[in-house]
Amino acid sequence: MFQIPKFISSRDSVEDASIVLAGVPYDCTSSFRAGSRFASREVRNYAYEAIEEFSFYQNVLLDDVPFCDIGDLEIMVGNPAEMVETVMGEVRPYLEMGKRFLAIGGEHLVTLPLFMVHREFYQDFTLLHLDAHADLRDGYAGDTLSHASVMKCCLDNGLEKLIQVGIRSCTRDEHKLRQTDSRIIPTASLDDVSDALEEGEMVYLSVDLDYFDPAFVPGTGTPEAGGASFNDFMRLVKLLDSKKCRIIGADVVELAPEIDRSGISVAFAAKLLRELLICMDKNS
């Protein structure tokens, strides 16, 4: 029987790791192009076959980062409220062990349970949100639990500081909320992000891959013209490092591998995960 490999350089046991990597294969509220439930499988396969352990960007060997890939969380496809409870229940034991959690989505709604369970352990942290879309709707298609409303859900569940980076698509109501809600910090440049972050601040990082220009990542559910490059992301990583920000948890979401048959999107996401694992380990 074919076995999907662990992400390259994974430790064999959680006990030997400070970071837990897991897939969250859920995409039931995807409103345009689904398929992000298959992201973690394809990213692992690519990493096993084609990625280098050495980061050219950070001069670090991934082998030196103590993380363990535990595979995919067991999530039934269906009700989003049930998904929220399931993810919280599966992630909580790792946070109780003092581990940090990096999730491979899945659609962006998976950030909600990850944020909520982190709130149980870290009362005061910033959510740094990289995305093309504001995700601040009250709901979508009749459901308040949606990938299009995930940041509004986080705000409704106690989020006190939301830094948004790369937003270039929203409704008029979302735009107004971004201008009037003091908890939301819209940013237009890396300098703006730097000004919004305190030295040593605790950060939960959520990366929707449509933050990037679809020329680099076409395999995502709702691509938007314009956007960032991989080098832009690495500049942000170096900013977090220079500010000594502690990434307490993170997710990378909205990769839909089957949309992009070239495999470029999967390769991009796998290398982004390598760099993110290294960054999380630096200021642990």
C-alpha atoms as a PDB file:
ATOM      1  CA  MET A   1       0.000   0.000   0.000  1.00  0.00           C
ATOM      2  CA  PHE A   2       1.347   3.447  -0.987  1.00  0.00           C
ATOM      3  CA  GLN A   3       2.245   5.532   2.050  1.00  0.00           C
ATOM      4  CA  ILE A   4       2.292   9.325   1.836  1.00  0.00           C
ATOM      5  CA  PRO A   5       5.663  10.407   3.239  1.00  0.00           C
ATOM      6  CA  LYS A   6       6.140  12.865   6.040  1.00  0.00           C
ATOM      7  CA  PHE A   7       7.357  16.347   5.201  1.00  0.00           C
ATOM      8  CA  ILE A   8      11.090  16.213   4.628  1.00  0.00           C
ATOM      9  CA  SER A   9      13.302  16.333   7.770  1.00  0.00           C
ATOM     10  CA  SER A  10      10.404  15.537  10.113  1.00  0.00           C
ATOM     11  CA  ARG A  11      11.346  13.953  13.442  1.00  0.00           C
ATOM     12  CA  ASP A  12       9.901  10.530  14.123  1.00  0.00           C
ATOM     13  CA  SER A  13       8.066  11.448  17.315  1.00  0.00           C
ATOM     14  CA  VAL A  14       6.281  14.471  18.755  1.00  0.00           C
ATOM     15  CA  GLU A  15       8.330  14.120  21.951  1.00  0.00           C
ATOM     16  CA  ASP A  16      11.473  15.061  19.983  1.00  0.00           C
ATOM     17  CA  ALA A  17       9.855  18.149  18.446  1.00  0.00           C
ATOM     18  CA  SER A  18       8.902  21.648  19.502  1.00  0.00           C
ATOM     19  CA  ILE A  19       6.753  22.268  16.394  1.00  0.00           C
ATOM     20  CA  VAL A  20       3.921  20.026  15.207  1.00  0.00           C
ATOM     21  CA  LEU A  21       3.065  20.057  11.497  1.00  0.00           C
ATOM     22  CA  ALA A  22      -0.298  18.711  10.366  1.00  0.00           C
ATOM     23  CA  GLY A  23      -2.694  18.824   7.454  1.00  0.00           C
ATOM     24  CA  VAL A  24      -6.234  20.133   7.928  1.00  0.00           C
ATOM     25  CA  PRO A  25      -8.021  18.729   4.857  1.00  0.00           C
ATOM     26  CA  TYR A  26     -11.262  20.720   4.807  1.00  0.00           C
ATOM     27  CA  ASP A  27     -12.745  22.817   1.989  1.00  0.00           C
ATOM     28  CA  CYS A  28     -16.511  22.556   2.343  1.00  0.00           C
ATOM     29  CA  THR A  29     -17.290  26.287   2.301  1.00  0.00           C
ATOM     30  CA  SER A  30     -15.074  27.042  -0.715  1.00  0.00           C
ATOM     31  CA  SER A  31     -17.286  29.249  -2.850  1.00  0.00           C
ATOM     32  CA  PHE A  32     -15.453  29.220  -6.192  1.00  0.00           C
ATOM     33  CA  ARG A  33     -12.834  26.515  -6.814  1.00  0.00           C
ATOM     34  CA  ALA A  34     -12.527  23.732  -4.262  1.00  0.00           C
ATOM     35  CA  GLY A  35      -9.709  21.206  -3.846  1.00  0.00           C
ATOM     36  CA  SER A  36      -7.655  22.578  -0.978  1.00  0.00           C
ATOM     37  CA  ARG A  37      -8.405  19.432   1.027  1.00  0.00           C
ATOM     38  CA  PHE A  38      -5.748  17.724  -1.126  1.00  0.00           C
ATOM     39  CA  ALA A  39      -3.016  20.271  -0.414  1.00  0.00           C
ATOM     40  CA  SER A  40      -1.188  18.531   2.421  1.00  0.00           C
ATOM     41  CA  ARG A  41      -0.883  15.262   0.480  1.00  0.00           C
ATOM     42  CA  GLU A  42       0.608  16.928  -2.596  1.00  0.00           C
ATOM     43  CA  VAL A  43       2.935  19.193  -0.606  1.00  0.00           C
ATOM     44  CA  ARG A  44       4.388  16.205   1.245  1.00  0.00           C
ATOM     45  CA  ASN A  45       4.867  14.257  -1.968  1.00  0.00           C
ATOM     46  CA  TYR A  46       6.661  17.167  -3.598  1.00  0.00           C
ATOM     47  CA  ALA A  47       8.854  17.817  -0.557  1.00  0.00           C
ATOM     48  CA  TYR A  48       9.852  14.159  -0.426  1.00  0.00           C
ATOM     49  CA  GLU A  49      10.831  14.096  -4.099  1.00  0.00           C
ATOM     50  CA  ALA A  50      12.200  17.525  -4.898  1.00  0.00           C
ATOM     51  CA  ILE A  51      12.913  19.912  -2.028  1.00  0.00           C
ATOM     52  CA  GLU A  52      16.323  20.586  -0.472  1.00  0.00           C
ATOM     53  CA  GLU A  53      16.749  20.507   3.293  1.00  0.00           C
ATOM     54  CA  PHE A  54      18.986  23.578   3.126  1.00  0.00           C
ATOM     55  CA  SER A  55      17.433  27.050   3.043  1.00  0.00           C
ATOM     56  CA  PHE A  56      19.401  29.319   0.735  1.00  0.00           C
ATOM     57  CA  TYR A  57      17.440  32.270   2.138  1.00  0.00           C
ATOM     58  CA  GLN A  58      18.104  31.734   5.857  1.00  0.00           C
ATOM     59  CA  ASN A  59      21.319  29.683   5.740  1.00  0.00           C
ATOM     60  CA  VAL A  60      19.744  27.011   7.919  1.00  0.00           C
ATOM     61  CA  LEU A  61      19.377  23.255   7.473  1.00  0.00           C
ATOM     62  CA  LEU A  62      15.805  22.054   8.016  1.00  0.00           C
ATOM     63  CA  ASP A  63      17.269  18.943   9.683  1.00  0.00           C
ATOM     64  CA  ASP A  64      18.204  21.227  12.600  1.00  0.00           C
ATOM     65  CA  VAL A  65      14.595  22.344  13.150  1.00  0.00           C
ATOM     66  CA  PRO A  66      12.842  20.098  15.699  1.00  0.00           C
ATOM     67  CA  PHE A  67       9.442  19.513  14.098  1.00  0.00           C
ATOM     68  CA  CYS A  68       7.243  16.460  13.644  1.00  0.00           C
ATOM     69  CA  ASP A  69       4.766  15.914  10.828  1.00  0.00           C
ATOM     70  CA  ILE A  70       1.854  13.997  12.388  1.00  0.00           C
ATOM     71  CA  GLY A  71      -0.076  13.596   9.136  1.00  0.00           C
ATOM     72  CA  ASP A  72      -3.606  14.905   8.575  1.00  0.00           C
ATOM     73  CA  LEU A  73      -6.169  15.622  11.268  1.00  0.00           C
ATOM     74  CA  GLU A  74      -9.190  13.332  11.013  1.00  0.00           C
ATOM     75  CA  ILE A  75     -11.919  15.646   9.759  1.00  0.00           C
ATOM     76  CA  MET A  76     -15.238  14.578   8.297  1.00  0.00           C
ATOM     77  CA  VAL A  77     -16.224  16.544   5.213  1.00  0.00           C
ATOM     78  CA  GLY A  78     -19.374  18.496   6.039  1.00  0.00           C
ATOM     79  CA  ASN A  79     -20.718  20.791   8.733  1.00  0.00           C
ATOM     80  CA  PRO A  80     -18.311  23.697   9.410  1.00  0.00           C
ATOM     81  CA  ALA A  81     -19.333  23.964  13.073  1.00  0.00           C
ATOM     82  CA  GLU A  82     -18.375  20.315  13.571  1.00  0.00           C
ATOM     83  CA  MET A  83     -15.058  20.965  11.824  1.00  0.00           C
ATOM     84  CA  VAL A  84     -14.318  23.829  14.235  1.00  0.00           C
ATOM     85  CA  GLU A  85     -14.924  21.604  17.262  1.00  0.00           C
ATOM     86  CA  THR A  86     -12.948  18.699  15.794  1.00  0.00           C
ATOM     87  CA  VAL A  87      -9.881  20.782  14.958  1.00  0.00           C
ATOM     88  CA  MET A  88      -9.860  22.430  18.374  1.00  0.00           C
ATOM     89  CA  GLY A  89     -10.107  19.037  20.046  1.00  0.00           C
ATOM     90  CA  GLU A  90      -7.286  17.519  17.990  1.00  0.00           C
ATOM     91  CA  VAL A  91      -4.895  20.468  18.334  1.00  0.00           C
ATOM     92  CA  ARG A  92      -5.448  21.202  22.049  1.00  0.00           C
ATOM     93  CA  PRO A  93      -3.365  18.245  23.369  1.00  0.00           C
ATOM     94  CA  TYR A  94      -0.289  19.442  21.462  1.00  0.00           C
ATOM     95  CA  LEU A  95      -0.590  22.950  22.872  1.00  0.00           C
ATOM     96  CA  GLU A  96      -0.996  21.427  26.340  1.00  0.00           C
ATOM     97  CA  MET A  97       2.361  19.710  25.736  1.00  0.00           C
ATOM     98  CA  GLY A  98       3.933  23.107  25.025  1.00  0.00           C
ATOM     99  CA  LYS A  99       4.254  22.485  21.277  1.00  0.00           C
ATOM    100  CA  ARG A 100       3.625  25.036  18.569  1.00  0.00           C
ATOM    101  CA  PHE A 101       1.383  24.150  15.647  1.00  0.00           C
ATOM    102  CA  LEU A 102       1.775  24.715  11.895  1.00  0.00           C
ATOM    103  CA  ALA A 103      -1.197  23.697   9.763  1.00  0.00           C
ATOM    104  CA  ILE A 104      -1.420  22.966   6.046  1.00  0.00           C
ATOM    105  CA  GLY A 105      -4.928  23.839   4.891  1.00  0.00           C
ATOM    106  CA  GLY A 106      -7.501  23.378   3.688  1.00  0.00           C
ATOM    107  CA  GLU A 107      -9.605  26.440   3.102  1.00  0.00           C
ATOM    108  CA  HIS A 108      -9.177  29.568   5.182  1.00  0.00           C
ATOM    109  CA  LEU A 109     -11.998  28.746   7.600  1.00  0.00           C
ATOM    110  CA  VAL A 110      -9.603  26.294   9.304  1.00  0.00           C
ATOM    111  CA  THR A 111      -7.852  29.334  10.792  1.00  0.00           C
ATOM    112  CA  LEU A 112     -10.852  29.959  13.069  1.00  0.00           C
ATOM    113  CA  PRO A 113     -10.511  26.833  15.265  1.00  0.00           C
ATOM    114  CA  LEU A 114      -6.735  27.215  15.246  1.00  0.00           C
ATOM    115  CA  PHE A 115      -7.074  30.803  16.471  1.00  0.00           C
ATOM    116  CA  MET A 116      -9.683  29.832  19.074  1.00  0.00           C
ATOM    117  CA  VAL A 117      -7.635  27.000  20.580  1.00  0.00           C
ATOM    118  CA  HIS A 118      -4.532  29.201  20.701  1.00  0.00           C
ATOM    119  CA  ARG A 119      -6.605  31.773  22.617  1.00  0.00           C
ATOM    120  CA  GLU A 120      -6.952  29.201  25.397  1.00  0.00           C
ATOM    121  CA  PHE A 121      -3.170  29.213  25.901  1.00  0.00           C
ATOM    122  CA  TYR A 122      -2.040  32.671  24.740  1.00  0.00           C
ATOM    123  CA  GLN A 123      -4.335  35.486  25.803  1.00  0.00           C
ATOM    124  CA  ASP A 124      -2.496  38.367  24.144  1.00  0.00           C
ATOM    125  CA  PHE A 125      -1.241  37.834  20.601  1.00  0.00           C
ATOM    126  CA  THR A 126      -1.534  39.404  17.159  1.00  0.00           C
ATOM    127  CA  LEU A 127      -3.019  37.683  14.141  1.00  0.00           C
ATOM    128  CA  LEU A 128      -0.869  38.562  11.126  1.00  0.00           C
ATOM    129  CA  HIS A 129      -3.046  37.904   8.084  1.00  0.00           C
ATOM    130  CA  LEU A 130      -1.530  37.605   4.580  1.00  0.00           C
ATOM    131  CA  ASP A 131      -4.282  37.484   1.977  1.00  0.00           C
ATOM    132  CA  ALA A 132      -5.767  39.026  -1.162  1.00  0.00           C
ATOM    133  CA  HIS A 133      -9.194  39.141   0.520  1.00  0.00           C
ATOM    134  CA  ALA A 134     -10.262  40.863   3.730  1.00  0.00           C
ATOM    135  CA  ASP A 135     -12.383  37.863   4.888  1.00  0.00           C
ATOM    136  CA  LEU A 136     -14.425  40.253   7.050  1.00  0.00           C
ATOM    137  CA  ARG A 137     -17.922  39.461   5.805  1.00  0.00           C
ATOM    138  CA  ASP A 138     -20.653  38.684   8.310  1.00  0.00           C
ATOM    139  CA  GLY A 139     -21.235  35.481   6.388  1.00  0.00           C
ATOM    140  CA  TYR A 140     -21.441  34.016   2.911  1.00  0.00           C
ATOM    141  CA  ALA A 141     -24.169  32.014   1.161  1.00  0.00           C
ATOM    142  CA  GLY A 142     -26.241  32.028   4.337  1.00  0.00           C
ATOM    143  CA  ASP A 143     -23.558  30.700   6.685  1.00  0.00           C
ATOM    144  CA  THR A 144     -21.617  32.802   9.179  1.00  0.00           C
ATOM    145  CA  LEU A 145     -18.880  30.138   9.228  1.00  0.00           C
ATOM    146  CA  SER A 146     -17.171  30.617   5.884  1.00  0.00           C
ATOM    147  CA  HIS A 147     -13.739  31.117   4.359  1.00  0.00           C
ATOM    148  CA  ALA A 148     -15.031  34.591   3.390  1.00  0.00           C
ATOM    149  CA  SER A 149     -15.863  35.531   6.985  1.00  0.00           C
ATOM    150  CA  VAL A 150     -13.051  33.856   8.920  1.00  0.00           C
ATOM    151  CA  MET A 151     -11.340  37.050  10.147  1.00  0.00           C
ATOM    152  CA  LYS A 152     -14.672  38.534  11.220  1.00  0.00           C
ATOM    153  CA  CYS A 153     -15.295  35.302  13.150  1.00  0.00           C
ATOM    154  CA  CYS A 154     -11.897  35.664  14.848  1.00  0.00           C
ATOM    155  CA  LEU A 155     -12.722  39.254  15.821  1.00  0.00           C
ATOM    156  CA  ASP A 156     -16.079  38.071  17.191  1.00  0.00           C
ATOM    157  CA  ASN A 157     -14.236  35.455  19.260  1.00  0.00           C
ATOM    158  CA  GLY A 158     -11.841  37.743  21.079  1.00  0.00           C
ATOM    159  CA  LEU A 159      -9.185  38.805  18.562  1.00  0.00           C
ATOM    160  CA  GLU A 160      -7.893  42.215  19.650  1.00  0.00           C
ATOM    161  CA  LYS A 161      -5.231  42.941  17.009  1.00  0.00           C
ATOM    162  CA  LEU A 162      -5.442  41.972  13.347  1.00  0.00           C
ATOM    163  CA  ILE A 163      -2.703  43.107  10.959  1.00  0.00           C
ATOM    164  CA  GLN A 164      -3.765  42.606   7.341  1.00  0.00           C
ATOM    165  CA  VAL A 165      -1.178  42.455   4.558  1.00  0.00           C
ATOM    166  CA  GLY A 166      -1.769  42.292   0.810  1.00  0.00           C
ATOM    167  CA  ILE A 167      -5.536  42.917   0.791  1.00  0.00           C
ATOM    168  CA  ARG A 168      -6.741  43.951  -2.664  1.00  0.00           C
ATOM    169  CA  SER A 169     -10.312  42.646  -2.792  1.00  0.00           C
ATOM    170  CA  CYS A 170     -13.247  43.248  -0.449  1.00  0.00           C
ATOM    171  CA  THR A 171     -16.834  44.428  -0.285  1.00  0.00           C
ATOM    172  CA  ARG A 172     -17.734  48.031   0.524  1.00  0.00           C
ATOM    173  CA  ASP A 173     -18.851  46.953   4.020  1.00  0.00           C
ATOM    174  CA  GLU A 174     -15.546  45.161   4.611  1.00  0.00           C
ATOM    175  CA  HIS A 175     -13.647  48.232   3.452  1.00  0.00           C
ATOM    176  CA  LYS A 176     -15.598  50.412   5.880  1.00  0.00           C
ATOM    177  CA  LEU A 177     -14.949  47.995   8.740  1.00  0.00           C
ATOM    178  CA  ARG A 178     -11.209  48.059   7.986  1.00  0.00           C
ATOM    179  CA  GLN A 179     -11.267  51.846   8.249  1.00  0.00           C
ATOM    180  CA  THR A 180     -13.348  52.089  11.437  1.00  0.00           C
ATOM    181  CA  ASP A 181     -12.517  49.073  13.637  1.00  0.00           C
ATOM    182  CA  SER A 182      -9.510  49.955  15.796  1.00  0.00           C
ATOM    183  CA  ARG A 183      -8.594  46.277  16.154  1.00  0.00           C
ATOM    184  CA  ILE A 184      -7.812  46.048  12.422  1.00  0.00           C
ATOM    185  CA  ILE A 185      -4.545  47.463  11.085  1.00  0.00           C
ATOM    186  CA  PRO A 186      -4.495  47.686   7.268  1.00  0.00           C
ATOM    187  CA  THR A 187      -0.961  47.833   5.864  1.00  0.00           C
ATOM    188  CA  ALA A 188       0.322  48.881   2.462  1.00  0.00           C
ATOM    189  CA  SER A 189       4.052  48.279   2.841  1.00  0.00           C
ATOM    190  CA  LEU A 190       6.640  46.378   4.849  1.00  0.00           C
ATOM    191  CA  ASP A 191       7.352  49.586   6.760  1.00  0.00           C
ATOM    192  CA  ASP A 192       3.688  49.689   7.801  1.00  0.00           C
ATOM    193  CA  VAL A 193       3.934  46.106   9.066  1.00  0.00           C
ATOM    194  CA  SER A 194       7.105  46.980  10.973  1.00  0.00           C
ATOM    195  CA  ASP A 195       5.405  49.970  12.594  1.00  0.00           C
ATOM    196  CA  ALA A 196       2.438  47.808  13.609  1.00  0.00           C
ATOM    197  CA  LEU A 197       4.573  45.148  15.332  1.00  0.00           C
ATOM    198  CA  GLU A 198       6.109  45.535  18.783  1.00  0.00           C
ATOM    199  CA  GLU A 199       9.529  44.158  19.585  1.00  0.00           C
ATOM    200  CA  GLY A 200       9.154  40.580  20.823  1.00  0.00           C
ATOM    201  CA  GLU A 201       5.441  40.461  20.028  1.00  0.00           C
ATOM    202  CA  MET A 202       3.645  37.100  19.964  1.00  0.00           C
ATOM    203  CA  VAL A 203       2.179  36.445  16.511  1.00  0.00           C
ATOM    204  CA  TYR A 204      -0.140  33.889  14.957  1.00  0.00           C
ATOM    205  CA  LEU A 205       0.590  33.929  11.202  1.00  0.00           C
ATOM    206  CA  SER A 206      -2.062  32.989   8.650  1.00  0.00           C
ATOM    207  CA  VAL A 207      -0.964  32.797   5.006  1.00  0.00           C
ATOM    208  CA  ASP A 208      -3.634  32.499   2.332  1.00  0.00           C
ATOM    209  CA  LEU A 209      -1.751  31.622  -0.846  1.00  0.00           C
ATOM    210  CA  ASP A 210      -3.851  34.038  -2.903  1.00  0.00           C
ATOM    211  CA  TYR A 211      -1.804  36.720  -1.109  1.00  0.00           C
ATOM    212  CA  PHE A 212       0.742  35.964  -3.816  1.00  0.00           C
ATOM    213  CA  ASP A 213       0.477  36.992  -7.446  1.00  0.00           C
ATOM    214  CA  PRO A 214      -1.397  34.223  -9.322  1.00  0.00           C
ATOM    215  CA  ALA A 215       1.489  34.213 -11.803  1.00  0.00           C
ATOM    216  CA  PHE A 216       3.429  32.456  -9.015  1.00  0.00           C
ATOM    217  CA  VAL A 217       0.558  30.503  -7.391  1.00  0.00           C
ATOM    218  CA  PRO A 218      -2.248  29.850  -9.878  1.00  0.00           C
ATOM    219  CA  GLY A 219      -3.458  26.818  -7.925  1.00  0.00           C
ATOM    220  CA  THR A 220      -5.675  28.571  -5.412  1.00  0.00           C
ATOM    221  CA  GLY A 221      -9.410  28.854  -4.976  1.00  0.00           C
ATOM    222  CA  THR A 222      -9.969  32.554  -5.679  1.00  0.00           C
ATOM    223  CA  PRO A 223      -6.947  34.140  -7.382  1.00  0.00           C
ATOM    224  CA  GLU A 224      -6.663  37.914  -7.548  1.00  0.00           C
ATOM    225  CA  ALA A 225      -4.580  39.942  -9.998  1.00  0.00           C
ATOM    226  CA  GLY A 226      -1.500  41.548  -8.474  1.00  0.00           C
ATOM    227  CA  GLY A 227       0.017  40.369  -5.227  1.00  0.00           C
ATOM    228  CA  ALA A 228       3.309  39.442  -3.630  1.00  0.00           C
ATOM    229  CA  SER A 229       6.285  37.343  -4.654  1.00  0.00           C
ATOM    230  CA  PHE A 230       8.230  34.719  -2.723  1.00  0.00           C
ATOM    231  CA  ASN A 231      10.966  37.304  -2.135  1.00  0.00           C
ATOM    232  CA  ASP A 232       8.365  39.645  -0.597  1.00  0.00           C
ATOM    233  CA  PHE A 233       7.440  36.855   1.808  1.00  0.00           C
ATOM    234  CA  MET A 234      11.079  36.307   2.731  1.00  0.00           C
ATOM    235  CA  ARG A 235      11.454  40.016   3.489  1.00  0.00           C
ATOM    236  CA  LEU A 236       8.506  39.672   5.859  1.00  0.00           C
ATOM    237  CA  VAL A 237      10.102  36.603   7.467  1.00  0.00           C
ATOM    238  CA  LYS A 238      13.312  38.568   8.020  1.00  0.00           C
ATOM    239  CA  LEU A 239      11.296  41.434   9.505  1.00  0.00           C
ATOM    240  CA  LEU A 240       9.682  39.072  12.024  1.00  0.00           C
ATOM    241  CA  ASP A 241      13.132  37.733  12.860  1.00  0.00           C
ATOM    242  CA  SER A 242      14.627  41.208  13.297  1.00  0.00           C
ATOM    243  CA  LYS A 243      11.720  42.211  15.545  1.00  0.00           C
ATOM    244  CA  LYS A 244      12.250  38.982  17.537  1.00  0.00           C
ATOM    245  CA  CYS A 245       8.570  38.196  17.126  1.00  0.00           C
ATOM    246  CA  ARG A 246       7.594  34.782  18.453  1.00  0.00           C
ATOM    247  CA  ILE A 247       5.378  32.877  16.035  1.00  0.00           C
ATOM    248  CA  ILE A 248       3.194  30.874  18.415  1.00  0.00           C
ATOM    249  CA  GLY A 249       1.331  29.151  15.587  1.00  0.00           C
ATOM    250  CA  ALA A 250       0.693  29.418  11.864  1.00  0.00           C
ATOM    251  CA  ASP A 251      -1.242  28.092   8.913  1.00  0.00           C
ATOM    252  CA  VAL A 252      -0.789  28.039   5.145  1.00  0.00           C
ATOM    253  CA  VAL A 253      -4.143  27.711   3.399  1.00  0.00           C
ATOM    254  CA  GLU A 254      -6.036  27.707   0.095  1.00  0.00           C
ATOM    255  CA  LEU A 255      -3.632  25.651  -2.022  1.00  0.00           C
ATOM    256  CA  ALA A 256      -5.754  23.694  -4.520  1.00  0.00           C
ATOM    257  CA  PRO A 257      -3.230  21.437  -6.287  1.00  0.00           C
ATOM    258  CA  GLU A 258      -5.498  19.968  -8.955  1.00  0.00           C
ATOM    259  CA  ILE A 259      -6.214  23.423 -10.409  1.00  0.00           C
ATOM    260  CA  ASP A 260      -2.541  23.845 -11.335  1.00  0.00           C
ATOM    261  CA  ARG A 261      -1.407  20.781 -13.271  1.00  0.00           C
ATOM    262  CA  SER A 262       2.069  22.267 -13.746  1.00  0.00           C
ATOM    263  CA  GLY A 263       2.870  21.677 -10.058  1.00  0.00           C
ATOM    264  CA  ILE A 264       4.315  25.169  -9.645  1.00  0.00           C
ATOM    265  CA  SER A 265       1.864  26.081  -6.885  1.00  0.00           C
ATOM    266  CA  VAL A 266       2.688  22.963  -4.868  1.00  0.00           C
ATOM    267  CA  ALA A 267       6.426  23.615  -5.220  1.00  0.00           C
ATOM    268  CA  PHE A 268       5.921  27.204  -4.079  1.00  0.00           C
ATOM    269  CA  ALA A 269       3.905  26.127  -1.032  1.00  0.00           C
ATOM    270  CA  ALA A 270       6.390  23.412  -0.023  1.00  0.00           C
ATOM    271  CA  LYS A 271       9.309  25.833  -0.036  1.00  0.00           C
ATOM    272  CA  LEU A 272       7.266  28.424   1.822  1.00  0.00           C
ATOM    273  CA  LEU A 273       6.587  25.821   4.531  1.00  0.00           C
ATOM    274  CA  ARG A 274      10.300  25.055   4.791  1.00  0.00           C
ATOM    275  CA  GLU A 275      11.092  28.726   5.355  1.00  0.00           C
ATOM    276  CA  LEU A 276       8.222  29.133   7.809  1.00  0.00           C
ATOM    277  CA  LEU A 277       9.346  26.161   9.899  1.00  0.00           C
ATOM    278  CA  ILE A 278      12.820  27.678  10.151  1.00  0.00           C
ATOM    279  CA  CYS A 279      11.414  31.086  11.056  1.00  0.00           C
ATOM    280  CA  MET A 280       9.191  29.595  13.776  1.00  0.00           C
ATOM    281  CA  ASP A 281      12.184  27.843  15.286  1.00  0.00           C
ATOM    282  CA  LYS A 282      14.413  30.938  15.373  1.00  0.00           C
ATOM    283  CA  ASN A 283      12.485  32.869  18.011  1.00  0.00           C
ATOM    284  CA  SER A 284      11.021  29.976  19.980  1.00  0.00           C
END
